[in-house]
Amino acid sequence: MANRCAKCRKYYACYLCHDALNTHPFVPVSLDTEETAVCCGVCLHQMTPAQYLHAHYQCPKCHHLFNAQCALHKNTYFC
């Protein structure tokens, strides 16, 4: 799974990877956006934050399980 930074609009595996490669910190995406902000790392299916949060820790397209620990960082990726 990858998350998109609202500032640079690029996908990264995690906010730490983003921060190590950029001069700005990871900026969360609004929960209300209709833009895609999460991408499955297996099939590359893109989801809005709402679609991701309702996916129950698995990709709705390929059903690959997401890392359940990512839910601990919900406030880092979404606002």
PDB file of N, CA and C in Angstrom:
ATOM      1  N   MET A   1       0.832  -1.164   0.000  1.00  0.00           N
ATOM      2  CA  MET A   1       0.000   0.000   0.000  1.00  0.00           C
ATOM      3  C   MET A   1       0.886   1.239   0.000  1.00  0.00           C
ATOM      4  N   ALA A   2       0.423   2.276  -0.676  1.00  0.00           N
ATOM      5  CA  ALA A   2       1.137   3.546  -0.700  1.00  0.00           C
ATOM      6  C   ALA A   2       0.147   4.667  -0.433  1.00  0.00           C
ATOM      7  N   ASN A   3       0.638   5.725   0.197  1.00  0.00           N
ATOM      8  CA  ASN A   3      -0.188   6.882   0.525  1.00  0.00           C
ATOM      9  C   ASN A   3       0.345   8.106  -0.197  1.00  0.00           C
ATOM     10  N   ARG A   4      -0.575   8.977  -0.625  1.00  0.00           N
ATOM     11  CA  ARG A   4      -0.193  10.173  -1.374  1.00  0.00           C
ATOM     12  C   ARG A   4      -0.081  11.367  -0.423  1.00  0.00           C
ATOM     13  N   CYS A   5       0.992  12.101  -0.575  1.00  0.00           N
ATOM     14  CA  CYS A   5       1.199  13.342   0.179  1.00  0.00           C
ATOM     15  C   CYS A   5       0.373  14.440  -0.495  1.00  0.00           C
ATOM     16  N   ALA A   6      -0.366  15.203   0.292  1.00  0.00           N
ATOM     17  CA  ALA A   6      -1.197  16.269  -0.258  1.00  0.00           C
ATOM     18  C   ALA A   6      -0.371  17.414  -0.845  1.00  0.00           C
ATOM     19  N   LYS A   7       0.848  17.585  -0.388  1.00  0.00           N
ATOM     20  CA  LYS A   7       1.664  18.701  -0.884  1.00  0.00           C
ATOM     21  C   LYS A   7       2.324  18.373  -2.225  1.00  0.00           C
ATOM     22  N   CYS A   8       3.097  17.300  -2.282  1.00  0.00           N
ATOM     23  CA  CYS A   8       3.810  16.968  -3.520  1.00  0.00           C
ATOM     24  C   CYS A   8       3.004  16.037  -4.434  1.00  0.00           C
ATOM     25  N   ARG A   9       1.923  15.464  -3.877  1.00  0.00           N
ATOM     26  CA  ARG A   9       0.987  14.623  -4.630  1.00  0.00           C
ATOM     27  C   ARG A   9       1.631  13.344  -5.174  1.00  0.00           C
ATOM     28  N   LYS A  10       2.695  12.898  -4.516  1.00  0.00           N
ATOM     29  CA  LYS A  10       3.365  11.649  -4.901  1.00  0.00           C
ATOM     30  C   LYS A  10       3.047  10.572  -3.876  1.00  0.00           C
ATOM     31  N   TYR A  11       3.076   9.323  -4.321  1.00  0.00           N
ATOM     32  CA  TYR A  11       2.805   8.181  -3.450  1.00  0.00           C
ATOM     33  C   TYR A  11       4.095   7.669  -2.815  1.00  0.00           C
ATOM     34  N   TYR A  12       3.987   7.296  -1.535  1.00  0.00           N
ATOM     35  CA  TYR A  12       5.107   6.725  -0.798  1.00  0.00           C
ATOM     36  C   TYR A  12       4.609   5.571   0.063  1.00  0.00           C
ATOM     37  N   ALA A  13       5.490   4.626   0.342  1.00  0.00           N
ATOM     38  CA  ALA A  13       5.130   3.471   1.169  1.00  0.00           C
ATOM     39  C   ALA A  13       4.756   3.891   2.581  1.00  0.00           C
ATOM     40  N   CYS A  14       5.385   4.952   3.084  1.00  0.00           N
ATOM     41  CA  CYS A  14       5.041   5.456   4.413  1.00  0.00           C
ATOM     42  C   CYS A  14       5.521   6.896   4.535  1.00  0.00           C
ATOM     43  N   TYR A  15       5.052   7.568   5.575  1.00  0.00           N
ATOM     44  CA  TYR A  15       5.430   8.964   5.779  1.00  0.00           C
ATOM     45  C   TYR A  15       6.923   9.105   6.082  1.00  0.00           C
ATOM     46  N   LEU A  16       7.519   8.102   6.701  1.00  0.00           N
ATOM     47  CA  LEU A  16       8.953   8.166   6.996  1.00  0.00           C
ATOM     48  C   LEU A  16       9.773   8.109   5.713  1.00  0.00           C
ATOM     49  N   CYS A  17       9.366   7.259   4.772  1.00  0.00           N
ATOM     50  CA  CYS A  17      10.041   7.189   3.467  1.00  0.00           C
ATOM     51  C   CYS A  17       9.909   8.542   2.758  1.00  0.00           C
ATOM     52  N   HIS A  18       8.712   9.094   2.779  1.00  0.00           N
ATOM     53  CA  HIS A  18       8.483  10.399   2.172  1.00  0.00           C
ATOM     54  C   HIS A  18       9.406  11.444   2.784  1.00  0.00           C
ATOM     55  N   ASP A  19       9.415  11.521   4.101  1.00  0.00           N
ATOM     56  CA  ASP A  19      10.189  12.554   4.784  1.00  0.00           C
ATOM     57  C   ASP A  19      11.686  12.409   4.554  1.00  0.00           C
ATOM     58  N   ALA A  20      12.158  11.188   4.364  1.00  0.00           N
ATOM     59  CA  ALA A  20      13.584  10.964   4.113  1.00  0.00           C
ATOM     60  C   ALA A  20      13.996  11.427   2.711  1.00  0.00           C
ATOM     61  N   LEU A  21      13.043  11.492   1.804  1.00  0.00           N
ATOM     62  CA  LEU A  21      13.352  11.807   0.412  1.00  0.00           C
ATOM     63  C   LEU A  21      12.936  13.216  -0.022  1.00  0.00           C
ATOM     64  N   ASN A  22      12.323  13.963   0.874  1.00  0.00           N
ATOM     65  CA  ASN A  22      11.815  15.290   0.513  1.00  0.00           C
ATOM     66  C   ASN A  22      12.262  16.339   1.518  1.00  0.00           C
ATOM     67  N   THR A  23      12.139  17.600   1.118  1.00  0.00           N
ATOM     68  CA  THR A  23      12.517  18.702   2.006  1.00  0.00           C
ATOM     69  C   THR A  23      11.330  19.211   2.813  1.00  0.00           C
ATOM     70  N   HIS A  24      10.154  18.664   2.578  1.00  0.00           N
ATOM     71  CA  HIS A  24       8.960  19.030   3.348  1.00  0.00           C
ATOM     72  C   HIS A  24       8.418  17.777   4.031  1.00  0.00           C
ATOM     73  N   PRO A  25       7.724  17.952   5.166  1.00  0.00           N
ATOM     74  CA  PRO A  25       7.131  16.787   5.837  1.00  0.00           C
ATOM     75  C   PRO A  25       5.900  16.289   5.067  1.00  0.00           C
ATOM     76  N   PHE A  26       5.538  15.035   5.312  1.00  0.00           N
ATOM     77  CA  PHE A  26       4.338  14.458   4.705  1.00  0.00           C
ATOM     78  C   PHE A  26       3.118  15.270   5.134  1.00  0.00           C
ATOM     79  N   VAL A  27       2.283  15.642   4.186  1.00  0.00           N
ATOM     80  CA  VAL A  27       1.067  16.408   4.462  1.00  0.00           C
ATOM     81  C   VAL A  27      -0.130  15.486   4.245  1.00  0.00           C
ATOM     82  N   PRO A  28      -0.988  15.323   5.260  1.00  0.00           N
ATOM     83  CA  PRO A  28      -2.130  14.424   5.130  1.00  0.00           C
ATOM     84  C   PRO A  28      -3.158  14.919   4.114  1.00  0.00           C
ATOM     85  N   VAL A  29      -3.906  13.973   3.566  1.00  0.00           N
ATOM     86  CA  VAL A  29      -4.975  14.246   2.609  1.00  0.00           C
ATOM     87  C   VAL A  29      -6.289  14.337   3.386  1.00  0.00           C
ATOM     88  N   SER A  30      -7.167  15.209   2.947  1.00  0.00           N
ATOM     89  CA  SER A  30      -8.472  15.354   3.596  1.00  0.00           C
ATOM     90  C   SER A  30      -9.298  14.073   3.446  1.00  0.00           C
ATOM     91  N   LEU A  31      -9.937  13.678   4.529  1.00  0.00           N
ATOM     92  CA  LEU A  31     -10.822  12.507   4.480  1.00  0.00           C
ATOM     93  C   LEU A  31     -11.989  12.725   3.527  1.00  0.00           C
ATOM     94  N   ASP A  32     -12.331  13.964   3.274  1.00  0.00           N
ATOM     95  CA  ASP A  32     -13.478  14.298   2.437  1.00  0.00           C
ATOM     96  C   ASP A  32     -13.175  14.355   0.944  1.00  0.00           C
ATOM     97  N   THR A  33     -11.914  14.216   0.575  1.00  0.00           N
ATOM     98  CA  THR A  33     -11.566  14.357  -0.834  1.00  0.00           C
ATOM     99  C   THR A  33     -12.118  13.197  -1.661  1.00  0.00           C
ATOM    100  N   GLU A  34     -12.452  13.513  -2.875  1.00  0.00           N
ATOM    101  CA  GLU A  34     -12.878  12.487  -3.827  1.00  0.00           C
ATOM    102  C   GLU A  34     -11.710  12.047  -4.705  1.00  0.00           C
ATOM    103  N   GLU A  35     -10.537  12.626  -4.452  1.00  0.00           N
ATOM    104  CA  GLU A  35      -9.339  12.238  -5.193  1.00  0.00           C
ATOM    105  C   GLU A  35      -8.746  10.977  -4.586  1.00  0.00           C
ATOM    106  N   THR A  36      -8.058  10.214  -5.403  1.00  0.00           N
ATOM    107  CA  THR A  36      -7.401   9.019  -4.885  1.00  0.00           C
ATOM    108  C   THR A  36      -6.217   9.430  -4.022  1.00  0.00           C
ATOM    109  N   ALA A  37      -6.000   8.668  -2.942  1.00  0.00           N
ATOM    110  CA  ALA A  37      -4.925   8.995  -2.007  1.00  0.00           C
ATOM    111  C   ALA A  37      -4.221   7.760  -1.480  1.00  0.00           C
ATOM    112  N   VAL A  38      -4.742   6.577  -1.825  1.00  0.00           N
ATOM    113  CA  VAL A  38      -4.150   5.316  -1.386  1.00  0.00           C
ATOM    114  C   VAL A  38      -4.070   4.391  -2.594  1.00  0.00           C
ATOM    115  N   CYS A  39      -2.966   3.666  -2.685  1.00  0.00           N
ATOM    116  CA  CYS A  39      -2.759   2.769  -3.818  1.00  0.00           C
ATOM    117  C   CYS A  39      -2.341   1.390  -3.312  1.00  0.00           C
ATOM    118  N   CYS A  40      -2.994   0.343  -3.796  1.00  0.00           N
ATOM    119  CA  CYS A  40      -2.613  -1.025  -3.441  1.00  0.00           C
ATOM    120  C   CYS A  40      -1.236  -1.317  -4.015  1.00  0.00           C
ATOM    121  N   GLY A  41      -0.376  -1.865  -3.202  1.00  0.00           N
ATOM    122  CA  GLY A  41       0.976  -2.184  -3.643  1.00  0.00           C
ATOM    123  C   GLY A  41       1.057  -3.415  -4.523  1.00  0.00           C
ATOM    124  N   VAL A  42      -0.015  -4.185  -4.612  1.00  0.00           N
ATOM    125  CA  VAL A  42      -0.014  -5.406  -5.420  1.00  0.00           C
ATOM    126  C   VAL A  42      -0.600  -5.150  -6.812  1.00  0.00           C
ATOM    127  N   CYS A  43      -1.834  -4.645  -6.863  1.00  0.00           N
ATOM    128  CA  CYS A  43      -2.511  -4.482  -8.159  1.00  0.00           C
ATOM    129  C   CYS A  43      -2.560  -3.027  -8.629  1.00  0.00           C
ATOM    130  N   LEU A  44      -2.072  -2.095  -7.805  1.00  0.00           N
ATOM    131  CA  LEU A  44      -2.021  -0.666  -8.099  1.00  0.00           C
ATOM    132  C   LEU A  44      -3.396  -0.003  -8.189  1.00  0.00           C
ATOM    133  N   HIS A  45      -4.409  -0.647  -7.632  1.00  0.00           N
ATOM    134  CA  HIS A  45      -5.749  -0.056  -7.565  1.00  0.00           C
ATOM    135  C   HIS A  45      -5.703   1.163  -6.654  1.00  0.00           C
ATOM    136  N   GLN A  46      -6.228   2.297  -7.133  1.00  0.00           N
ATOM    137  CA  GLN A  46      -6.216   3.535  -6.357  1.00  0.00           C
ATOM    138  C   GLN A  46      -7.573   3.764  -5.715  1.00  0.00           C
ATOM    139  N   MET A  47      -7.542   4.292  -4.487  1.00  0.00           N
ATOM    140  CA  MET A  47      -8.752   4.501  -3.701  1.00  0.00           C
ATOM    141  C   MET A  47      -8.770   5.892  -3.094  1.00  0.00           C
ATOM    142  N   THR A  48      -9.968   6.399  -2.865  1.00  0.00           N
ATOM    143  CA  THR A  48     -10.128   7.617  -2.079  1.00  0.00           C
ATOM    144  C   THR A  48      -9.916   7.226  -0.616  1.00  0.00           C
ATOM    145  N   PRO A  49      -9.702   8.194   0.269  1.00  0.00           N
ATOM    146  CA  PRO A  49      -9.584   7.845   1.688  1.00  0.00           C
ATOM    147  C   PRO A  49     -10.804   7.080   2.200  1.00  0.00           C
ATOM    148  N   ALA A  50     -12.004   7.497   1.809  1.00  0.00           N
ATOM    149  CA  ALA A  50     -13.219   6.812   2.269  1.00  0.00           C
ATOM    150  C   ALA A  50     -13.264   5.366   1.783  1.00  0.00           C
ATOM    151  N   GLN A  51     -12.889   5.142   0.542  1.00  0.00           N
ATOM    152  CA  GLN A  51     -12.871   3.770   0.017  1.00  0.00           C
ATOM    153  C   GLN A  51     -11.872   2.917   0.781  1.00  0.00           C
ATOM    154  N   TYR A  52     -10.705   3.482   1.052  1.00  0.00           N
ATOM    155  CA  TYR A  52      -9.692   2.748   1.806  1.00  0.00           C
ATOM    156  C   TYR A  52     -10.191   2.394   3.205  1.00  0.00           C
ATOM    157  N   LEU A  53     -10.768   3.371   3.894  1.00  0.00           N
ATOM    158  CA  LEU A  53     -11.205   3.144   5.271  1.00  0.00           C
ATOM    159  C   LEU A  53     -12.360   2.150   5.357  1.00  0.00           C
ATOM    160  N   HIS A  54     -13.116   2.004   4.293  1.00  0.00           N
ATOM    161  CA  HIS A  54     -14.223   1.042   4.272  1.00  0.00           C
ATOM    162  C   HIS A  54     -13.812  -0.307   3.684  1.00  0.00           C
ATOM    163  N   ALA A  55     -12.553  -0.457   3.329  1.00  0.00           N
ATOM    164  CA  ALA A  55     -12.076  -1.686   2.668  1.00  0.00           C
ATOM    165  C   ALA A  55     -11.751  -2.808   3.656  1.00  0.00           C
ATOM    166  N   HIS A  56     -11.798  -2.529   4.943  1.00  0.00           N
ATOM    167  CA  HIS A  56     -11.546  -3.557   5.972  1.00  0.00           C
ATOM    168  C   HIS A  56     -10.187  -4.228   5.803  1.00  0.00           C
ATOM    169  N   TYR A  57      -9.155  -3.386   5.626  1.00  0.00           N
ATOM    170  CA  TYR A  57      -7.756  -3.842   5.603  1.00  0.00           C
ATOM    171  C   TYR A  57      -7.415  -4.774   4.447  1.00  0.00           C
ATOM    172  N   GLN A  58      -8.172  -4.674   3.350  1.00  0.00           N
ATOM    173  CA  GLN A  58      -7.792  -5.436   2.158  1.00  0.00           C
ATOM    174  C   GLN A  58      -8.206  -4.667   0.914  1.00  0.00           C
ATOM    175  N   CYS A  59      -7.483  -4.870  -0.155  1.00  0.00           N
ATOM    176  CA  CYS A  59      -7.779  -4.181  -1.405  1.00  0.00           C
ATOM    177  C   CYS A  59      -9.137  -4.646  -1.931  1.00  0.00           C
ATOM    178  N   PRO A  60     -10.019  -3.713  -2.277  1.00  0.00           N
ATOM    179  CA  PRO A  60     -11.326  -4.113  -2.790  1.00  0.00           C
ATOM    180  C   PRO A  60     -11.264  -4.753  -4.177  1.00  0.00           C
ATOM    181  N   LYS A  61     -10.145  -4.582  -4.885  1.00  0.00           N
ATOM    182  CA  LYS A  61     -10.016  -5.161  -6.221  1.00  0.00           C
ATOM    183  C   LYS A  61      -9.370  -6.548  -6.191  1.00  0.00           C
ATOM    184  N   CYS A  62      -8.178  -6.662  -5.583  1.00  0.00           N
ATOM    185  CA  CYS A  62      -7.453  -7.944  -5.608  1.00  0.00           C
ATOM    186  C   CYS A  62      -7.546  -8.705  -4.290  1.00  0.00           C
ATOM    187  N   HIS A  63      -8.099  -8.063  -3.256  1.00  0.00           N
ATOM    188  CA  HIS A  63      -8.303  -8.653  -1.932  1.00  0.00           C
ATOM    189  C   HIS A  63      -7.012  -8.963  -1.175  1.00  0.00           C
ATOM    190  N   HIS A  64      -5.902  -8.389  -1.627  1.00  0.00           N
ATOM    191  CA  HIS A  64      -4.647  -8.528  -0.884  1.00  0.00           C
ATOM    192  C   HIS A  64      -4.790  -7.782   0.437  1.00  0.00           C
ATOM    193  N   LEU A  65      -4.321  -8.382   1.514  1.00  0.00           N
ATOM    194  CA  LEU A  65      -4.422  -7.762   2.836  1.00  0.00           C
ATOM    195  C   LEU A  65      -3.445  -6.609   2.970  1.00  0.00           C
ATOM    196  N   PHE A  66      -3.912  -5.516   3.556  1.00  0.00           N
ATOM    197  CA  PHE A  66      -3.049  -4.386   3.880  1.00  0.00           C
ATOM    198  C   PHE A  66      -2.426  -4.637   5.242  1.00  0.00           C
ATOM    199  N   ASN A  67      -1.357  -3.933   5.529  1.00  0.00           N
ATOM    200  CA  ASN A  67      -0.715  -4.005   6.828  1.00  0.00           C
ATOM    201  C   ASN A  67      -1.646  -3.368   7.857  1.00  0.00           C
ATOM    202  N   ALA A  68      -2.141  -4.146   8.790  1.00  0.00           N
ATOM    203  CA  ALA A  68      -3.078  -3.644   9.795  1.00  0.00           C
ATOM    204  C   ALA A  68      -2.455  -2.550  10.667  1.00  0.00           C
ATOM    205  N   GLN A  69      -1.134  -2.522  10.771  1.00  0.00           N
ATOM    206  CA  GLN A  69      -0.453  -1.499  11.566  1.00  0.00           C
ATOM    207  C   GLN A  69      -0.588  -0.109  10.944  1.00  0.00           C
ATOM    208  N   CYS A  70      -0.890  -0.040   9.651  1.00  0.00           N
ATOM    209  CA  CYS A  70      -1.070   1.268   9.002  1.00  0.00           C
ATOM    210  C   CYS A  70      -2.226   2.041   9.624  1.00  0.00           C
ATOM    211  N   ALA A  71      -3.212   1.336  10.136  1.00  0.00           N
ATOM    212  CA  ALA A  71      -4.358   1.997  10.769  1.00  0.00           C
ATOM    213  C   ALA A  71      -3.919   2.827  11.978  1.00  0.00           C
ATOM    214  N   LEU A  72      -2.788   2.480  12.581  1.00  0.00           N
ATOM    215  CA  LEU A  72      -2.279   3.242  13.716  1.00  0.00           C
ATOM    216  C   LEU A  72      -1.849   4.656  13.300  1.00  0.00           C
ATOM    217  N   HIS A  73      -1.619   4.845  12.012  1.00  0.00           N
ATOM    218  CA  HIS A  73      -1.135   6.127  11.501  1.00  0.00           C
ATOM    219  C   HIS A  73      -2.204   6.871  10.713  1.00  0.00           C
ATOM    220  N   LYS A  74      -3.458   6.554  10.941  1.00  0.00           N
ATOM    221  CA  LYS A  74      -4.566   7.188  10.207  1.00  0.00           C
ATOM    222  C   LYS A  74      -4.466   8.708  10.264  1.00  0.00           C
ATOM    223  N   ASN A  75      -4.140   9.260  11.423  1.00  0.00           N
ATOM    224  CA  ASN A  75      -4.062  10.711  11.561  1.00  0.00           C
ATOM    225  C   ASN A  75      -2.854  11.320  10.850  1.00  0.00           C
ATOM    226  N   THR A  76      -1.875  10.511  10.517  1.00  0.00           N
ATOM    227  CA  THR A  76      -0.718  10.981   9.758  1.00  0.00           C
ATOM    228  C   THR A  76      -1.074  11.105   8.282  1.00  0.00           C
ATOM    229  N   TYR A  77      -1.878  10.184   7.773  1.00  0.00           N
ATOM    230  CA  TYR A  77      -2.197  10.140   6.350  1.00  0.00           C
ATOM    231  C   TYR A  77      -3.457  10.892   5.965  1.00  0.00           C
ATOM    232  N   PHE A  78      -4.381  11.064   6.916  1.00  0.00           N
ATOM    233  CA  PHE A  78      -5.666  11.714   6.623  1.00  0.00           C
ATOM    234  C   PHE A  78      -6.003  12.759   7.686  1.00  0.00           C
ATOM    235  N   CYS A  79      -6.667  13.810   7.251  1.00  0.00           N
ATOM    236  CA  CYS A  79      -7.107  14.838   8.198  1.00  0.00           C
ATOM    237  C   CYS A  79      -8.551  15.224   7.926  1.00  0.00           C
TER     238      CYS A  79
END
